[in-house]
N, C-alpha and C. Protein backbone atom coordinates (compact mmCIF):
# COMPACT_ATOMS: atom_id res chain seq x y z
N ARG A 1 104.38 82.09 113.47
CA ARG A 1 103.26 81.41 112.67
C ARG A 1 103.84 80.44 111.54
N ASP A 2 103.21 79.30 111.23
CA ASP A 2 103.87 78.57 110.10
C ASP A 2 104.12 79.18 108.97
N ALA A 3 103.34 80.26 108.61
CA ALA A 3 103.50 81.07 107.30
C ALA A 3 104.86 81.91 107.33
N ALA A 4 105.13 82.15 108.52
CA ALA A 4 106.37 83.04 108.69
C ALA A 4 107.45 82.36 108.38
N ARG A 5 107.48 80.85 108.61
CA ARG A 5 108.59 80.01 108.25
C ARG A 5 108.68 79.75 106.75
N GLN A 6 107.60 79.89 105.75
CA GLN A 6 107.74 79.96 104.63
C GLN A 6 108.02 81.04 104.06
N ASN A 7 108.12 82.18 104.72
CA ASN A 7 108.50 83.43 104.17
C ASN A 7 109.92 83.96 104.90
N PRO A 8 110.86 83.18 104.52
CA PRO A 8 112.25 83.64 105.02
C PRO A 8 112.56 85.04 104.76
N ALA A 9 113.59 85.66 105.67
CA ALA A 9 113.97 87.07 105.29
C ALA A 9 114.55 87.30 103.86
N PRO A 10 114.05 88.37 103.04
CA PRO A 10 114.47 88.37 101.82
C PRO A 10 115.95 88.89 101.73
N PRO A 11 116.35 88.53 100.61
CA PRO A 11 117.91 89.08 100.36
C PRO A 11 117.95 90.65 100.29
N ALA A 12 118.96 91.38 100.32
CA ALA A 12 119.14 92.85 100.59
C ALA A 12 118.83 93.05 98.91
N ALA A 13 117.64 93.90 98.81
CA ALA A 13 117.21 94.49 97.56
C ALA A 13 118.04 95.67 96.96
N GLN A 14 118.07 95.62 95.78
CA GLN A 14 118.87 96.87 95.25
C GLN A 14 117.75 98.18 95.17
N ALA A 15 118.44 99.28 95.43
CA ALA A 15 117.65 100.41 95.34
C ALA A 15 116.74 100.80 94.11
N PRO A 16 115.43 100.96 94.19
CA PRO A 16 114.97 101.17 92.96
C PRO A 16 115.34 102.38 92.18
N ALA A 17 115.21 102.23 91.03
CA ALA A 17 115.45 103.31 90.02
C ALA A 17 114.92 104.48 90.22
N ALA A 18 115.55 105.74 89.81
CA ALA A 18 115.01 107.00 90.30
C ALA A 18 113.48 107.05 89.49
N PRO A 19 112.61 107.56 90.15
CA PRO A 19 111.23 107.63 89.74
C PRO A 19 111.26 108.59 88.42
N SER A 20 110.20 108.84 87.72
CA SER A 20 110.17 109.71 86.70
C SER A 20 110.36 111.38 87.13
N PRO A 21 110.86 112.08 86.15
CA PRO A 21 111.15 113.47 86.37
C PRO A 21 109.96 114.36 87.10
N GLY A 22 109.02 113.89 86.68
CA GLY A 22 107.85 114.73 87.51
C GLY A 22 107.57 114.61 89.03
N LEU A 23 108.38 113.67 89.34
CA LEU A 23 108.28 113.39 90.85
C LEU A 23 109.18 114.31 91.89
N VAL A 24 108.98 114.62 92.88
CA VAL A 24 109.89 115.24 93.92
C VAL A 24 110.01 114.57 94.97
N ARG A 25 111.07 114.25 95.57
CA ARG A 25 111.31 113.50 96.72
C ARG A 25 110.83 114.23 98.07
N LEU A 26 110.02 113.67 98.60
CA LEU A 26 109.58 114.46 99.99
C LEU A 26 110.47 114.63 101.18
N ASP A 27 111.26 113.55 101.34
CA ASP A 27 112.28 113.63 102.23
C ASP A 27 113.59 112.70 102.03
N GLU A 28 114.70 113.13 102.10
CA GLU A 28 115.94 112.68 101.71
C GLU A 28 116.24 111.31 102.59
N SER A 29 115.63 110.96 103.73
CA SER A 29 115.87 109.78 104.30
C SER A 29 115.03 108.70 104.02
N ALA A 30 113.93 108.94 102.92
CA ALA A 30 112.89 107.87 102.58
C ALA A 30 112.53 107.99 101.18
N GLU A 31 112.13 106.92 100.88
CA GLU A 31 111.77 106.75 99.37
C GLU A 31 110.26 106.98 99.21
N VAL A 32 110.00 108.44 99.35
CA VAL A 32 108.64 108.86 99.04
C VAL A 32 108.69 109.99 98.21
N TRP A 33 107.98 110.00 97.00
CA TRP A 33 107.96 110.98 96.09
C TRP A 33 106.69 111.58 95.78
N VAL A 34 106.41 112.64 95.61
CA VAL A 34 104.96 113.20 95.14
C VAL A 34 105.09 114.07 93.74
N ASP A 35 103.96 113.89 92.96
CA ASP A 35 103.83 114.46 91.75
C ASP A 35 102.60 115.35 91.77
N ARG A 36 102.60 116.68 92.08
CA ARG A 36 101.66 117.21 92.20
C ARG A 36 100.85 117.50 90.98
N GLN A 37 101.17 117.44 89.75
CA GLN A 37 100.39 117.67 88.62
C GLN A 37 99.56 116.19 88.52
N LYS A 38 100.01 115.28 88.65
CA LYS A 38 99.32 114.07 88.53
C LYS A 38 98.55 113.61 89.81
N HIS A 39 98.83 114.31 90.85
CA HIS A 39 98.29 114.13 92.17
C HIS A 39 98.51 112.53 92.54
N GLN A 40 99.89 112.18 92.68
CA GLN A 40 100.31 110.80 92.91
C GLN A 40 101.46 110.97 93.89
N VAL A 41 101.41 109.78 94.76
CA VAL A 41 102.49 109.67 95.39
C VAL A 41 103.27 107.98 95.07
N VAL A 42 104.42 108.24 95.28
CA VAL A 42 105.21 106.97 94.90
C VAL A 42 105.94 106.51 96.08
N VAL A 43 106.20 105.36 96.34
CA VAL A 43 106.48 104.81 97.72
C VAL A 43 107.39 103.65 97.33
N GLY A 44 108.69 103.65 97.75
CA GLY A 44 109.69 102.65 97.40
C GLY A 44 109.72 101.50 98.51
N GLY A 45 109.86 100.30 98.21
CA GLY A 45 109.98 99.27 99.10
C GLY A 45 110.38 97.66 98.39
N ALA A 46 109.75 96.75 99.00
CA ALA A 46 110.30 95.52 98.53
C ALA A 46 109.27 94.37 99.03
N VAL A 47 109.29 93.39 98.37
CA VAL A 47 108.33 92.12 98.44
C VAL A 47 109.13 91.52 99.75
N VAL A 48 108.09 91.25 100.75
CA VAL A 48 108.68 90.66 101.89
C VAL A 48 107.85 89.39 102.60
N PHE A 49 106.67 89.30 101.86
CA PHE A 49 105.92 88.06 102.20
C PHE A 49 105.05 87.58 101.14
N ARG A 50 104.95 86.47 100.87
CA ARG A 50 104.18 85.82 99.74
C ARG A 50 103.29 84.75 100.00
N GLU A 51 103.28 84.12 100.93
CA GLU A 51 102.20 83.07 101.44
C GLU A 51 101.94 83.14 103.00
N GLY A 52 100.51 83.13 103.07
CA GLY A 52 99.91 83.13 104.28
C GLY A 52 98.94 84.26 104.55
N PRO A 53 98.25 84.26 105.68
CA PRO A 53 97.17 85.06 106.02
C PRO A 53 97.82 86.73 106.18
N LEU A 54 96.96 87.69 105.69
CA LEU A 54 97.37 89.25 105.70
C LEU A 54 96.63 89.82 106.77
N GLU A 55 97.32 90.84 107.56
CA GLU A 55 96.66 91.95 108.04
C GLU A 55 96.94 93.17 107.38
N MET A 56 97.88 93.29 106.81
CA MET A 56 98.34 94.57 106.05
C MET A 56 98.56 94.05 104.51
N PHE A 57 98.65 95.29 103.74
CA PHE A 57 99.36 94.91 102.24
C PHE A 57 100.69 95.77 102.49
N ALA A 58 100.71 96.86 103.17
CA ALA A 58 101.97 97.48 103.31
C ALA A 58 102.37 97.92 104.49
N CYS A 59 103.72 97.83 104.95
CA CYS A 59 104.12 98.39 106.31
C CYS A 59 105.52 99.12 106.44
N PRO A 60 105.69 99.74 107.55
CA PRO A 60 107.05 100.27 107.57
C PRO A 60 108.03 99.30 107.87
N LYS A 61 109.50 99.35 107.95
CA LYS A 61 110.32 98.49 108.12
C LYS A 61 110.22 98.14 109.74
N ASN A 62 110.56 97.06 110.06
CA ASN A 62 110.68 96.43 111.35
C ASN A 62 109.24 96.68 112.23
N THR A 63 108.27 96.26 111.48
CA THR A 63 106.88 96.31 112.24
C THR A 63 106.09 95.07 111.90
N LYS A 64 105.31 95.03 110.84
CA LYS A 64 104.38 93.83 110.62
C LYS A 64 104.73 92.96 109.24
N GLU A 65 106.48 92.87 109.04
CA GLU A 65 106.44 92.32 107.86
C GLU A 65 106.02 90.71 107.74
N HIS A 66 105.88 90.22 109.03
CA HIS A 66 105.28 88.78 109.01
C HIS A 66 103.71 88.76 108.49
N GLU A 67 103.23 89.68 108.21
CA GLU A 67 101.84 89.55 107.58
C GLU A 67 101.54 90.96 106.82
N SER A 68 102.45 91.27 106.02
CA SER A 68 102.44 92.36 104.90
C SER A 68 103.15 91.91 103.78
N VAL A 69 102.51 92.13 102.43
CA VAL A 69 103.21 91.67 101.18
C VAL A 69 104.48 92.70 101.06
N VAL A 70 104.08 93.86 101.30
CA VAL A 70 105.46 94.89 101.01
C VAL A 70 105.85 95.54 102.19
N VAL A 71 106.99 95.86 102.33
CA VAL A 71 107.68 96.59 103.32
C VAL A 71 108.30 97.83 102.61
N VAL A 72 107.94 98.99 103.03
CA VAL A 72 108.20 100.22 102.45
C VAL A 72 109.37 100.80 103.03
N ASN A 73 110.11 101.71 102.59
CA ASN A 73 111.38 102.33 102.99
C ASN A 73 111.08 103.79 103.27
N ALA A 74 110.10 103.98 104.14
CA ALA A 74 109.58 105.30 104.62
C ALA A 74 108.73 105.07 106.11
N LYS A 75 108.83 106.23 106.88
CA LYS A 75 107.73 106.12 107.90
C LYS A 75 106.37 106.50 107.53
N ALA A 76 105.47 105.96 108.22
CA ALA A 76 104.02 105.96 107.99
C ALA A 76 103.76 107.61 107.63
N TYR A 77 104.16 108.18 108.61
CA TYR A 77 103.65 109.82 108.51
C TYR A 77 104.16 110.37 107.36
N LEU A 78 105.14 109.94 106.60
CA LEU A 78 105.82 110.73 105.54
C LEU A 78 104.78 110.23 104.26
N VAL A 79 104.29 109.00 104.31
CA VAL A 79 103.44 108.72 103.47
C VAL A 79 102.00 109.57 103.62
N HIS A 80 101.54 109.72 104.81
CA HIS A 80 100.40 110.46 105.15
C HIS A 80 100.58 111.99 104.41
N ALA A 81 102.00 112.25 104.81
CA ALA A 81 102.09 113.93 104.57
C ALA A 81 102.17 114.12 102.98
N ALA A 82 102.54 112.83 102.31
CA ALA A 82 102.70 113.15 100.80
C ALA A 82 101.31 113.03 100.27
N LEU A 83 100.23 112.38 100.86
CA LEU A 83 98.85 112.20 100.29
C LEU A 83 98.58 113.65 100.58
N LEU A 84 98.67 114.29 101.76
CA LEU A 84 98.33 115.55 101.98
C LEU A 84 98.84 116.60 100.97
N ALA A 85 100.14 116.43 100.44
CA ALA A 85 100.85 117.27 99.68
C ALA A 85 100.08 117.39 98.07
N VAL A 86 99.43 116.10 97.76
CA VAL A 86 98.86 116.13 96.52
C VAL A 86 97.42 116.26 96.17
N GLY A 87 96.98 116.87 97.68
CA GLY A 87 95.72 117.19 97.83
C GLY A 87 94.60 116.33 98.49
N ALA A 88 94.97 115.30 98.96
CA ALA A 88 94.22 114.46 99.63
C ALA A 88 93.66 114.75 101.03
N LYS A 89 92.66 114.67 101.43
CA LYS A 89 91.94 114.87 102.80
C LYS A 89 91.79 113.75 103.50
N PRO A 90 92.29 113.59 104.72
CA PRO A 90 91.98 112.47 105.38
C PRO A 90 90.52 112.46 106.04
N GLY A 91 89.96 111.04 106.10
CA GLY A 91 88.61 110.94 106.64
C GLY A 91 88.95 110.55 108.21
N SER A 92 88.41 109.43 108.43
CA SER A 92 88.36 109.12 109.91
C SER A 92 88.59 107.63 109.88
N PRO A 93 89.50 106.97 110.91
CA PRO A 93 89.66 105.55 110.92
C PRO A 93 88.33 104.62 111.28
N VAL A 94 88.60 103.58 111.31
CA VAL A 94 87.46 102.55 111.91
C VAL A 94 87.18 102.77 113.26
N SER A 95 86.11 102.82 113.72
CA SER A 95 85.90 102.64 115.26
C SER A 95 84.86 101.33 115.52
N PHE A 96 85.06 100.89 116.64
CA PHE A 96 84.43 99.61 117.00
C PHE A 96 83.30 99.74 118.31
N GLN A 97 83.44 100.98 118.94
CA GLN A 97 82.33 101.20 119.92
C GLN A 97 81.75 102.47 119.87
N PRO A 98 80.67 102.63 120.13
CA PRO A 98 79.60 101.60 120.62
C PRO A 98 79.23 100.53 119.58
N LYS A 99 79.37 100.85 118.25
CA LYS A 99 79.27 99.92 117.48
C LYS A 99 80.08 99.98 116.12
N TYR A 100 80.34 99.23 115.43
CA TYR A 100 81.14 99.26 114.36
C TYR A 100 80.70 100.33 113.27
N LYS A 101 81.87 101.29 112.81
CA LYS A 101 81.67 102.30 112.07
C LYS A 101 82.84 102.24 111.10
N ALA A 102 82.68 101.92 109.77
CA ALA A 102 83.70 101.66 108.77
C ALA A 102 84.64 103.02 108.82
N ALA A 103 86.08 102.61 108.39
CA ALA A 103 86.74 103.86 107.87
C ALA A 103 86.17 104.61 106.85
N MET A 104 86.57 106.00 106.83
CA MET A 104 85.92 106.76 105.70
C MET A 104 87.13 107.58 105.14
N GLY A 105 87.09 108.22 104.14
CA GLY A 105 88.19 108.89 103.55
C GLY A 105 88.02 108.88 101.93
N PRO A 106 88.64 109.54 101.47
CA PRO A 106 88.99 109.60 99.79
C PRO A 106 89.30 107.95 99.31
N ILE A 107 88.80 107.40 98.15
CA ILE A 107 89.35 106.28 97.78
C ILE A 107 90.87 106.61 97.17
N VAL A 108 91.73 105.78 97.75
CA VAL A 108 93.21 105.59 96.98
C VAL A 108 93.44 104.65 96.27
N LYS A 109 93.63 104.64 94.75
CA LYS A 109 94.02 103.59 94.14
C LYS A 109 95.60 103.21 94.29
N ILE A 110 95.79 101.96 94.29
CA ILE A 110 97.29 101.68 94.79
C ILE A 110 97.54 100.50 93.65
N GLU A 111 98.71 100.82 93.05
CA GLU A 111 99.42 100.06 91.95
C GLU A 111 100.81 99.66 92.55
N ALA A 112 101.31 98.72 92.13
CA ALA A 112 102.51 98.19 92.26
C ALA A 112 103.39 97.92 90.97
N MET A 113 104.50 98.45 91.02
CA MET A 113 105.42 98.29 89.94
C MET A 113 106.60 97.80 90.19
N TRP A 114 106.96 96.74 89.42
CA TRP A 114 108.60 95.96 89.47
C TRP A 114 108.95 95.68 88.11
N LYS A 115 110.07 95.24 88.21
CA LYS A 115 110.62 94.50 87.04
C LYS A 115 110.73 92.89 87.20
N ASP A 116 110.40 92.33 86.17
CA ASP A 116 110.40 90.89 86.14
C ASP A 116 111.89 90.49 85.63
N LYS A 117 112.13 89.15 85.91
CA LYS A 117 113.33 88.55 85.61
C LYS A 117 114.18 88.87 84.45
N ASP A 118 113.16 89.46 83.50
CA ASP A 118 113.73 89.83 81.91
C ASP A 118 113.89 91.33 81.97
N GLY A 119 113.73 92.04 83.08
CA GLY A 119 113.89 93.21 83.33
C GLY A 119 112.83 94.09 82.51
N LYS A 120 111.76 93.35 82.30
CA LYS A 120 110.46 94.26 81.81
C LYS A 120 109.66 94.91 83.02
N GLU A 121 109.25 96.08 82.68
CA GLU A 121 108.33 96.72 83.80
C GLU A 121 106.98 96.18 83.89
N LYS A 122 106.49 95.80 85.13
CA LYS A 122 105.28 95.36 85.39
C LYS A 122 104.67 96.40 86.34
N ARG A 123 103.14 96.28 85.99
CA ARG A 123 102.31 97.28 86.96
C ARG A 123 100.95 96.65 86.90
N VAL A 124 100.57 96.46 88.30
CA VAL A 124 99.28 95.84 88.54
C VAL A 124 98.51 96.79 89.69
N ASN A 125 97.16 96.52 89.87
CA ASN A 125 96.56 97.00 90.61
C ASN A 125 97.08 96.16 92.10
N ALA A 126 97.15 96.84 93.12
CA ALA A 126 97.61 95.99 94.52
C ALA A 126 96.66 95.16 94.81
N GLN A 127 95.28 95.21 94.78
CA GLN A 127 94.27 94.22 94.86
C GLN A 127 94.82 92.72 94.12
N GLU A 128 95.47 92.80 93.12
CA GLU A 128 95.81 91.44 92.68
C GLU A 128 97.02 90.56 93.42
N TRP A 129 97.48 91.21 94.34
CA TRP A 129 98.44 90.53 95.30
C TRP A 129 97.80 90.13 96.53
N VAL A 130 96.47 90.42 96.80
CA VAL A 130 95.62 90.06 97.76
C VAL A 130 94.48 89.04 97.49
N ARG A 131 94.38 87.94 98.11
CA ARG A 131 93.43 86.95 97.66
C ARG A 131 92.38 86.84 98.63
N ASP A 132 91.14 87.05 98.40
CA ASP A 132 89.80 86.93 99.18
C ASP A 132 90.03 85.20 99.67
N VAL A 133 90.00 84.87 100.89
CA VAL A 133 90.05 83.67 101.56
C VAL A 133 88.82 82.90 100.99
N ALA A 134 87.46 83.69 100.99
CA ALA A 134 86.33 82.88 100.69
C ALA A 134 86.22 82.55 99.32
N THR A 135 86.55 83.58 98.21
CA THR A 135 86.35 83.41 96.93
C THR A 135 87.59 82.91 96.20
N LYS A 136 88.71 82.99 96.85
CA LYS A 136 89.83 82.62 96.21
C LYS A 136 90.33 83.47 94.94
N LYS A 137 89.62 84.54 94.95
CA LYS A 137 90.01 85.58 93.98
C LYS A 137 90.46 86.74 94.28
N ALA A 138 90.96 87.76 93.44
CA ALA A 138 91.81 88.90 93.95
C ALA A 138 90.66 89.85 94.86
N MET A 139 91.20 90.43 95.67
CA MET A 139 90.37 91.27 96.54
C MET A 139 89.78 92.36 95.63
N LYS A 140 88.52 92.61 95.87
CA LYS A 140 87.91 93.58 94.98
C LYS A 140 87.60 95.12 95.74
N HIS A 141 87.87 94.99 97.06
CA HIS A 141 87.62 96.33 97.66
C HIS A 141 88.82 97.52 97.54
N ASP A 142 88.23 98.64 97.68
CA ASP A 142 89.22 99.80 97.61
C ASP A 142 89.64 100.16 98.87
N TRP A 143 90.90 100.95 98.90
CA TRP A 143 91.38 101.30 100.04
C TRP A 143 91.09 103.04 100.39
N VAL A 144 90.68 103.36 101.45
CA VAL A 144 90.49 104.99 101.78
C VAL A 144 91.64 105.59 102.50
N PHE A 145 91.78 106.78 102.38
CA PHE A 145 92.74 107.44 103.33
C PHE A 145 92.07 107.72 104.66
N ALA A 146 92.09 106.81 105.58
CA ALA A 146 91.39 106.98 106.80
C ALA A 146 92.28 108.21 107.74
N GLY A 147 93.62 108.13 107.74
CA GLY A 147 94.48 109.15 108.14
C GLY A 147 95.02 108.77 109.62
N SER A 148 94.60 107.49 110.30
CA SER A 148 95.26 107.37 111.46
C SER A 148 95.20 108.24 112.43
N GLY A 149 96.13 108.67 113.16
CA GLY A 149 95.97 109.65 114.31
C GLY A 149 97.50 109.80 114.99
N PHE A 150 97.39 110.88 115.97
CA PHE A 150 98.62 111.14 116.73
C PHE A 150 98.38 110.93 118.23
N TRP A 151 99.38 110.43 118.84
CA TRP A 151 99.18 110.38 120.34
C TRP A 151 100.38 111.16 120.88
N LYS A 152 100.02 112.09 121.81
CA LYS A 152 100.98 112.98 122.60
C LYS A 152 101.43 112.59 123.97
N ASP A 153 102.65 112.39 124.23
CA ASP A 153 103.26 111.80 125.30
C ASP A 153 103.13 112.98 126.39
N PRO A 154 102.16 112.85 127.52
CA PRO A 154 101.93 113.99 128.33
C PRO A 154 103.44 114.34 129.09
N GLU A 155 104.15 113.39 129.15
CA GLU A 155 105.53 114.09 130.09
C GLU A 155 106.59 114.50 129.01
N THR A 156 106.62 114.11 127.80
CA THR A 156 107.62 114.82 127.03
C THR A 156 107.05 115.79 126.07
N GLY A 157 105.85 115.64 125.71
CA GLY A 157 105.17 116.70 124.85
C GLY A 157 105.41 116.30 123.43
N LYS A 158 106.10 115.03 123.08
CA LYS A 158 106.35 114.48 121.57
C LYS A 158 105.12 113.94 121.35
N SER A 159 104.92 114.19 119.88
CA SER A 159 103.93 113.40 119.19
C SER A 159 104.37 112.27 118.44
N TYR A 160 103.37 111.34 118.43
CA TYR A 160 103.68 109.97 117.77
C TYR A 160 102.71 109.67 116.72
N TYR A 161 102.89 109.33 115.53
CA TYR A 161 101.84 108.79 114.64
C TYR A 161 101.57 107.35 114.92
N HIS A 162 100.32 106.98 114.98
CA HIS A 162 99.81 105.69 115.39
C HIS A 162 100.25 104.66 114.43
N ALA A 163 100.12 104.88 113.27
CA ALA A 163 100.62 103.82 112.25
C ALA A 163 102.00 103.56 111.91
N GLU A 164 102.69 104.11 112.65
CA GLU A 164 104.22 104.15 112.82
C GLU A 164 104.50 102.48 113.55
N SER A 165 103.45 101.71 114.07
CA SER A 165 103.58 100.40 114.64
C SER A 165 103.24 99.47 113.59
N GLY A 166 102.72 99.92 112.27
CA GLY A 166 102.68 98.97 111.14
C GLY A 166 101.53 99.22 110.38
N GLU A 167 100.38 100.02 110.72
CA GLU A 167 99.09 99.93 110.07
C GLU A 167 99.19 101.14 108.89
N LEU A 168 100.24 100.65 108.01
CA LEU A 168 100.15 101.72 106.90
C LEU A 168 98.97 101.53 105.92
N ILE A 169 99.10 100.39 105.22
CA ILE A 169 98.04 99.99 104.26
C ILE A 169 97.42 98.69 104.73
N CYS A 170 96.35 98.58 105.25
CA CYS A 170 95.76 97.50 105.86
C CYS A 170 94.60 96.97 105.00
N VAL A 171 94.50 95.37 105.42
CA VAL A 171 93.43 94.63 104.88
C VAL A 171 92.67 94.16 105.94
N SER A 172 93.08 94.20 107.23
CA SER A 172 92.22 94.01 108.43
C SER A 172 91.94 95.59 109.03
N ASN A 173 90.95 95.79 109.60
CA ASN A 173 90.46 97.13 110.17
C ASN A 173 91.32 97.42 111.55
N PHE A 174 91.92 98.57 111.34
CA PHE A 174 92.57 99.12 112.32
C PHE A 174 92.39 100.38 112.66
N SER A 175 92.23 100.93 113.81
CA SER A 175 91.80 102.25 114.21
C SER A 175 92.96 103.11 114.10
N THR A 176 94.26 102.42 113.99
CA THR A 176 95.47 103.25 113.72
C THR A 176 95.99 103.48 112.43
N ALA A 177 95.10 103.00 111.41
CA ALA A 177 95.40 102.74 109.97
C ALA A 177 95.57 104.16 109.23
N THR A 178 96.60 104.22 108.43
CA THR A 178 96.68 105.40 107.41
C THR A 178 95.61 105.02 106.26
N LEU A 179 95.73 103.85 105.62
CA LEU A 179 94.66 103.44 104.70
C LEU A 179 94.04 102.26 105.12
N ASP A 180 92.85 102.16 104.78
CA ASP A 180 92.00 100.96 105.35
C ASP A 180 90.87 100.56 104.39
N LEU A 181 90.38 99.38 104.59
CA LEU A 181 89.37 99.16 103.64
C LEU A 181 88.03 99.46 104.37
N THR A 182 86.90 99.63 103.74
CA THR A 182 85.66 100.28 104.36
C THR A 182 84.42 98.92 104.59
N VAL A 183 85.07 97.77 104.48
CA VAL A 183 84.51 96.69 104.76
C VAL A 183 84.72 96.24 106.23
N ASN A 184 84.05 95.46 106.70
CA ASN A 184 84.25 94.83 107.96
C ASN A 184 85.32 93.64 108.01
N SER A 185 86.56 93.84 108.41
CA SER A 185 87.54 92.98 108.01
C SER A 185 88.29 92.51 109.49
N SER A 186 87.92 91.39 109.86
CA SER A 186 88.39 91.20 111.26
C SER A 186 89.76 91.09 111.23
N GLN A 187 90.53 91.64 112.55
CA GLN A 187 92.14 91.37 112.74
C GLN A 187 92.25 90.09 113.82
N ALA A 188 91.21 89.59 113.96
CA ALA A 188 91.42 88.05 114.69
C ALA A 188 91.97 87.11 113.81
N ASN A 189 93.07 86.26 114.16
CA ASN A 189 93.87 85.30 113.30
C ASN A 189 92.91 84.34 112.85
N SER A 190 91.64 83.97 113.58
CA SER A 190 91.15 82.63 113.03
C SER A 190 89.97 83.41 112.11
N ASP A 191 89.86 84.57 111.83
CA ASP A 191 88.81 85.32 111.11
C ASP A 191 89.25 86.20 110.17
N LEU A 192 90.71 86.08 109.75
CA LEU A 192 91.31 86.84 108.79
C LEU A 192 90.45 86.60 107.33
N LEU A 193 90.20 87.68 106.73
CA LEU A 193 89.43 87.43 105.37
C LEU A 193 90.43 87.28 104.10
N PHE A 194 91.70 87.80 104.21
CA PHE A 194 92.50 87.94 103.18
C PHE A 194 93.86 87.20 103.43
N GLU A 195 94.43 86.92 102.35
CA GLU A 195 95.84 86.23 102.32
C GLU A 195 96.61 86.59 101.11
N ALA A 196 97.90 86.41 101.20
CA ALA A 196 98.81 86.60 100.02
C ALA A 196 98.27 85.91 98.99
N PHE A 197 98.32 86.45 97.73
CA PHE A 197 97.95 86.03 96.37
C PHE A 197 99.37 85.30 95.79
N THR A 198 99.77 84.24 96.29
CA THR A 198 101.33 83.98 95.97
C THR A 198 101.53 83.94 94.71
N GLU A 199 100.65 83.49 93.95
CA GLU A 199 100.94 83.16 92.57
C GLU A 199 101.15 84.29 91.59
N ASN A 200 100.69 85.40 92.18
CA ASN A 200 100.75 86.88 91.55
C ASN A 200 101.82 87.72 92.00
N ILE A 201 102.56 87.17 93.12
CA ILE A 201 103.45 87.92 93.79
C ILE A 201 105.04 87.93 93.42
N PRO A 202 105.76 88.62 92.98
CA PRO A 202 106.90 88.42 92.44
C PRO A 202 108.05 87.94 93.88
N GLU A 203 109.17 87.38 93.40
CA GLU A 203 110.00 86.84 94.54
C GLU A 203 110.35 87.61 95.72
N LEU A 204 110.58 87.18 96.67
CA LEU A 204 110.84 87.85 97.87
C LEU A 204 112.03 88.69 97.57
N GLY A 205 112.16 89.94 98.11
CA GLY A 205 113.15 90.88 97.83
C GLY A 205 113.09 91.76 96.62
N THR A 206 112.22 91.47 95.82
CA THR A 206 111.97 92.06 94.65
C THR A 206 111.65 93.75 94.77
N PRO A 207 112.61 94.59 94.49
CA PRO A 207 112.24 96.14 94.65
C PRO A 207 110.83 96.29 93.96
N VAL A 208 109.94 97.13 94.75
CA VAL A 208 108.71 97.59 94.26
C VAL A 208 108.42 99.22 94.42
N LYS A 209 107.88 99.57 93.57
CA LYS A 209 107.15 100.89 93.70
C LYS A 209 105.71 101.03 93.96
N LEU A 210 105.10 101.30 95.19
CA LEU A 210 103.73 101.58 95.15
C LEU A 210 103.45 103.01 94.55
N VAL A 211 102.26 103.04 93.75
CA VAL A 211 101.79 104.29 93.19
C VAL A 211 100.59 104.49 93.91
N LEU A 212 100.36 105.53 94.67
CA LEU A 212 99.02 106.00 95.24
C LEU A 212 98.39 107.12 94.61
N THR A 213 97.23 106.89 94.17
CA THR A 213 96.40 107.97 93.34
C THR A 213 95.17 108.10 94.13
N PRO A 214 95.09 109.32 94.99
CA PRO A 214 93.68 109.63 95.65
C PRO A 214 92.66 110.09 94.59
N GLU A 215 91.56 109.55 94.88
CA GLU A 215 90.35 110.37 94.08
C GLU A 215 90.25 111.69 94.81
N LEU A 216 90.00 112.74 93.98
CA LEU A 216 90.05 114.12 94.61
C LEU A 216 88.89 114.77 93.86
N GLU A 217 88.07 115.47 94.80
CA GLU A 217 87.25 116.48 94.24
C GLU A 217 87.87 117.46 93.28
N GLU A 218 86.93 117.98 92.31
CA GLU A 218 87.73 118.94 91.25
C GLU A 218 88.32 120.21 91.74
N LYS A 219 87.63 120.57 92.89
CA LYS A 219 88.13 121.88 93.53
C LYS A 219 89.48 121.53 94.50
N GLU A 220 89.82 120.32 94.55
CA GLU A 220 91.02 119.81 95.39
C GLU A 220 92.18 119.69 94.59
N LYS A 221 92.02 119.68 93.19
CA LYS A 221 92.93 119.51 92.29
C LYS A 221 93.77 120.92 91.83
């Protein structure tokens, strides 16, 4: 895509600073932390795309970086596991047959944290980095924990998490999404509803922490 040429590979990003003391790292091989008291998940990553149409907001490495604002330093299943660990219960991904049925699940607030050129901490709702193509304003929709799913190889018996192919935090509907929108959002290139909000996104390669806060029922806390 033309947009891909406008988004060259980012420089090697410095590892983000250690998150706050209340967080516990879920897996030593990945930048995923959980705070069971605050019911929050923190995922480390970097800005990888600033201009062009989007199908994702965030994806795992080596998957959908050409159409995702943030690449995360973690497997998708670990983010799923982290949401479970803080009390979130997955709903169900979008389905298209026999008719469209939106993704369901608890709303998950997503915030992006980074440091600007002066070293000042910044924190915004992730929607501020996604622009509605029609209104030219920041996306208004919430994400929900749809939960993706697993596929089991009948020959090996090994299970695979569907969202590892890139569909971690989506802005186009995918039946494989971990987090998706609840509005009908096409994945056809000619009909994409959202694009990167270039003016709001820091430079390529900027280290980012995504803070995921699911809305929980009182009994789930």
